[in-house]
Amino acid sequence: MKIELYRTILCPRCLYVAATLKKIAAASPRIELEIIEVVTNLARTHQAGIKTVPAIKIGNDVLTGIILTPRMIRCFIERHQPDDA
Protein backbone atom coordinates (compact mmCIF):
# COMPACT_ATOMS: atom_id res chain seq x y z
CA MET A 1 0.00 0.00 0.00
CA LYS A 2 1.32 3.42 -0.90
CA ILE A 3 0.97 6.22 1.64
CA GLU A 4 1.79 9.80 0.72
CA LEU A 5 2.56 12.36 3.41
CA TYR A 6 2.32 15.99 2.34
CA ARG A 7 4.27 18.19 4.70
CA THR A 8 6.57 21.17 5.09
CA ILE A 9 9.93 20.92 6.82
CA LEU A 10 9.11 23.88 9.08
CA CYS A 11 5.86 22.40 10.44
CA PRO A 12 6.36 20.68 13.83
CA ARG A 13 3.06 18.79 13.45
CA CYS A 14 4.29 17.48 10.09
CA LEU A 15 7.52 16.23 11.63
CA TYR A 16 5.55 14.42 14.35
CA VAL A 17 3.27 12.75 11.78
CA ALA A 18 6.29 11.81 9.64
CA ALA A 19 7.96 10.13 12.62
CA THR A 20 4.76 8.22 13.40
CA LEU A 21 4.36 7.08 9.80
CA LYS A 22 8.00 6.00 9.58
CA LYS A 23 7.51 3.78 12.65
CA ILE A 24 4.36 2.26 11.18
CA ALA A 25 6.01 1.69 7.79
CA ALA A 26 9.08 0.11 9.40
CA ALA A 27 6.84 -2.43 11.12
CA SER A 28 4.88 -3.26 7.95
CA PRO A 29 6.75 -4.28 4.79
CA ARG A 30 3.55 -3.83 2.75
CA ILE A 31 3.58 -0.07 3.32
CA GLU A 32 5.46 2.21 0.94
CA LEU A 33 5.80 5.69 2.43
CA GLU A 34 6.46 8.70 0.23
CA ILE A 35 7.06 12.08 1.88
CA ILE A 36 6.23 15.04 -0.33
CA GLU A 37 7.58 18.48 0.55
CA VAL A 38 4.79 20.82 -0.55
CA VAL A 39 7.03 23.86 -1.02
CA THR A 40 9.05 22.13 -3.73
CA ASN A 41 6.10 20.18 -5.20
CA LEU A 42 3.38 22.80 -5.52
CA ALA A 43 1.83 21.43 -8.73
CA ARG A 44 1.65 17.88 -7.38
CA THR A 45 0.21 19.12 -4.09
CA HIS A 46 -2.44 21.12 -5.93
CA GLN A 47 -3.30 18.17 -8.21
CA ALA A 48 -3.70 15.95 -5.13
CA GLY A 49 -6.20 18.44 -3.68
CA ILE A 50 -4.10 19.08 -0.58
CA LYS A 51 -4.97 22.36 1.11
CA THR A 52 -3.43 21.96 4.59
CA VAL A 53 -0.56 20.06 6.13
CA PRO A 54 0.09 17.56 7.46
CA ALA A 55 -1.99 15.49 5.04
CA ILE A 56 -1.85 11.73 4.62
CA LYS A 57 -3.15 10.39 1.33
CA ILE A 58 -4.00 6.78 0.51
CA GLY A 59 -5.56 6.38 -2.91
CA ASN A 60 -8.10 9.19 -3.22
CA ASP A 61 -8.73 9.44 0.53
CA VAL A 62 -7.01 12.14 2.61
CA LEU A 63 -6.58 12.50 6.36
CA THR A 64 -5.61 15.95 7.54
CA GLY A 65 -5.95 17.96 10.70
CA ILE A 66 -4.23 20.19 13.18
CA ILE A 67 -3.67 17.28 15.54
CA LEU A 68 -3.24 13.79 14.07
CA THR A 69 -2.69 11.28 16.84
CA PRO A 70 -0.96 7.95 16.27
CA ARG A 71 -4.33 6.26 16.87
CA MET A 72 -6.03 8.38 14.20
CA ILE A 73 -3.23 7.61 11.75
CA ARG A 74 -3.34 3.87 12.44
CA CYS A 75 -7.14 3.77 12.07
CA PHE A 76 -6.90 5.61 8.74
CA ILE A 77 -4.31 3.13 7.48
CA GLU A 78 -6.29 0.12 8.75
CA ARG A 79 -9.39 1.29 6.84
CA HIS A 80 -7.36 1.02 3.64
CA GLN A 81 -5.72 -2.34 4.31
CA PRO A 82 -6.67 -5.07 1.85
CA ASP A 83 -8.85 -7.79 3.36
CA ASP A 84 -6.05 -10.36 3.04
CA ALA A 85 -3.56 -8.25 5.05
C-alpha atoms as a PDB file:
ATOM      1  CA  MET A   1       0.000   0.000   0.000  1.00  0.00           C
ATOM      2  CA  LYS A   2       1.322   3.424  -0.896  1.00  0.00           C
ATOM      3  CA  ILE A   3       0.968   6.217   1.638  1.00  0.00           C
ATOM      4  CA  GLU A   4       1.791   9.799   0.715  1.00  0.00           C
ATOM      5  CA  LEU A   5       2.564  12.357   3.409  1.00  0.00           C
ATOM      6  CA  TYR A   6       2.325  15.986   2.342  1.00  0.00           C
ATOM      7  CA  ARG A   7       4.273  18.191   4.697  1.00  0.00           C
ATOM      8  CA  THR A   8       6.566  21.169   5.093  1.00  0.00           C
ATOM      9  CA  ILE A   9       9.928  20.920   6.816  1.00  0.00           C
ATOM     10  CA  LEU A  10       9.105  23.877   9.085  1.00  0.00           C
ATOM     11  CA  CYS A  11       5.864  22.400  10.442  1.00  0.00           C
ATOM     12  CA  PRO A  12       6.363  20.679  13.832  1.00  0.00           C
ATOM     13  CA  ARG A  13       3.059  18.789  13.447  1.00  0.00           C
ATOM     14  CA  CYS A  14       4.292  17.482  10.091  1.00  0.00           C
ATOM     15  CA  LEU A  15       7.523  16.233  11.633  1.00  0.00           C
ATOM     16  CA  TYR A  16       5.551  14.415  14.346  1.00  0.00           C
ATOM     17  CA  VAL A  17       3.273  12.748  11.781  1.00  0.00           C
ATOM     18  CA  ALA A  18       6.294  11.813   9.642  1.00  0.00           C
ATOM     19  CA  ALA A  19       7.960  10.126  12.617  1.00  0.00           C
ATOM     20  CA  THR A  20       4.761   8.222  13.403  1.00  0.00           C
ATOM     21  CA  LEU A  21       4.355   7.079   9.796  1.00  0.00           C
ATOM     22  CA  LYS A  22       7.998   5.996   9.580  1.00  0.00           C
ATOM     23  CA  LYS A  23       7.512   3.775  12.645  1.00  0.00           C
ATOM     24  CA  ILE A  24       4.355   2.257  11.183  1.00  0.00           C
ATOM     25  CA  ALA A  25       6.009   1.690   7.792  1.00  0.00           C
ATOM     26  CA  ALA A  26       9.082   0.111   9.401  1.00  0.00           C
ATOM     27  CA  ALA A  27       6.836  -2.433  11.115  1.00  0.00           C
ATOM     28  CA  SER A  28       4.883  -3.260   7.950  1.00  0.00           C
ATOM     29  CA  PRO A  29       6.750  -4.278   4.794  1.00  0.00           C
ATOM     30  CA  ARG A  30       3.548  -3.828   2.752  1.00  0.00           C
ATOM     31  CA  ILE A  31       3.576  -0.067   3.322  1.00  0.00           C
ATOM     32  CA  GLU A  32       5.455   2.206   0.943  1.00  0.00           C
ATOM     33  CA  LEU A  33       5.804   5.693   2.430  1.00  0.00           C
ATOM     34  CA  GLU A  34       6.459   8.703   0.235  1.00  0.00           C
ATOM     35  CA  ILE A  35       7.059  12.080   1.880  1.00  0.00           C
ATOM     36  CA  ILE A  36       6.235  15.041  -0.333  1.00  0.00           C
ATOM     37  CA  GLU A  37       7.580  18.481   0.551  1.00  0.00           C
ATOM     38  CA  VAL A  38       4.790  20.825  -0.551  1.00  0.00           C
ATOM     39  CA  VAL A  39       7.032  23.862  -1.015  1.00  0.00           C
ATOM     40  CA  THR A  40       9.053  22.131  -3.732  1.00  0.00           C
ATOM     41  CA  ASN A  41       6.103  20.180  -5.197  1.00  0.00           C
ATOM     42  CA  LEU A  42       3.376  22.804  -5.520  1.00  0.00           C
ATOM     43  CA  ALA A  43       1.833  21.431  -8.725  1.00  0.00           C
ATOM     44  CA  ARG A  44       1.652  17.884  -7.378  1.00  0.00           C
ATOM     45  CA  THR A  45       0.209  19.115  -4.087  1.00  0.00           C
ATOM     46  CA  HIS A  46      -2.436  21.115  -5.931  1.00  0.00           C
ATOM     47  CA  GLN A  47      -3.305  18.169  -8.206  1.00  0.00           C
ATOM     48  CA  ALA A  48      -3.702  15.950  -5.132  1.00  0.00           C
ATOM     49  CA  GLY A  49      -6.203  18.438  -3.682  1.00  0.00           C
ATOM     50  CA  ILE A  50      -4.097  19.079  -0.576  1.00  0.00           C
ATOM     51  CA  LYS A  51      -4.972  22.365   1.114  1.00  0.00           C
ATOM     52  CA  THR A  52      -3.429  21.959   4.586  1.00  0.00           C
ATOM     53  CA  VAL A  53      -0.559  20.056   6.131  1.00  0.00           C
ATOM     54  CA  PRO A  54       0.085  17.555   7.463  1.00  0.00           C
ATOM     55  CA  ALA A  55      -1.990  15.494   5.036  1.00  0.00           C
ATOM     56  CA  ILE A  56      -1.851  11.727   4.616  1.00  0.00           C
ATOM     57  CA  LYS A  57      -3.151  10.389   1.326  1.00  0.00           C
ATOM     58  CA  ILE A  58      -4.004   6.783   0.508  1.00  0.00           C
ATOM     59  CA  GLY A  59      -5.558   6.383  -2.913  1.00  0.00           C
ATOM     60  CA  ASN A  60      -8.101   9.194  -3.219  1.00  0.00           C
ATOM     61  CA  ASP A  61      -8.728   9.440   0.533  1.00  0.00           C
ATOM     62  CA  VAL A  62      -7.011  12.141   2.611  1.00  0.00           C
ATOM     63  CA  LEU A  63      -6.583  12.499   6.361  1.00  0.00           C
ATOM     64  CA  THR A  64      -5.611  15.952   7.544  1.00  0.00           C
ATOM     65  CA  GLY A  65      -5.951  17.959  10.702  1.00  0.00           C
ATOM     66  CA  ILE A  66      -4.225  20.191  13.185  1.00  0.00           C
ATOM     67  CA  ILE A  67      -3.666  17.275  15.537  1.00  0.00           C
ATOM     68  CA  LEU A  68      -3.236  13.788  14.072  1.00  0.00           C
ATOM     69  CA  THR A  69      -2.686  11.285  16.839  1.00  0.00           C
ATOM     70  CA  PRO A  70      -0.956   7.953  16.266  1.00  0.00           C
ATOM     71  CA  ARG A  71      -4.327   6.262  16.872  1.00  0.00           C
ATOM     72  CA  MET A  72      -6.029   8.381  14.200  1.00  0.00           C
ATOM     73  CA  ILE A  73      -3.233   7.613  11.750  1.00  0.00           C
ATOM     74  CA  ARG A  74      -3.340   3.866  12.439  1.00  0.00           C
ATOM     75  CA  CYS A  75      -7.139   3.767  12.071  1.00  0.00           C
ATOM     76  CA  PHE A  76      -6.896   5.613   8.743  1.00  0.00           C
ATOM     77  CA  ILE A  77      -4.310   3.135   7.480  1.00  0.00           C
ATOM     78  CA  GLU A  78      -6.293   0.124   8.747  1.00  0.00           C
ATOM     79  CA  ARG A  79      -9.389   1.293   6.841  1.00  0.00           C
ATOM     80  CA  HIS A  80      -7.359   1.015   3.642  1.00  0.00           C
ATOM     81  CA  GLN A  81      -5.722  -2.344   4.314  1.00  0.00           C
ATOM     82  CA  PRO A  82      -6.675  -5.065   1.850  1.00  0.00           C
ATOM     83  CA  ASP A  83      -8.853  -7.791   3.364  1.00  0.00           C
ATOM     84  CA  ASP A  84      -6.049 -10.363   3.044  1.00  0.00           C
ATOM     85  CA  ALA A  85      -3.558  -8.249   5.047  1.00  0.00           C
END
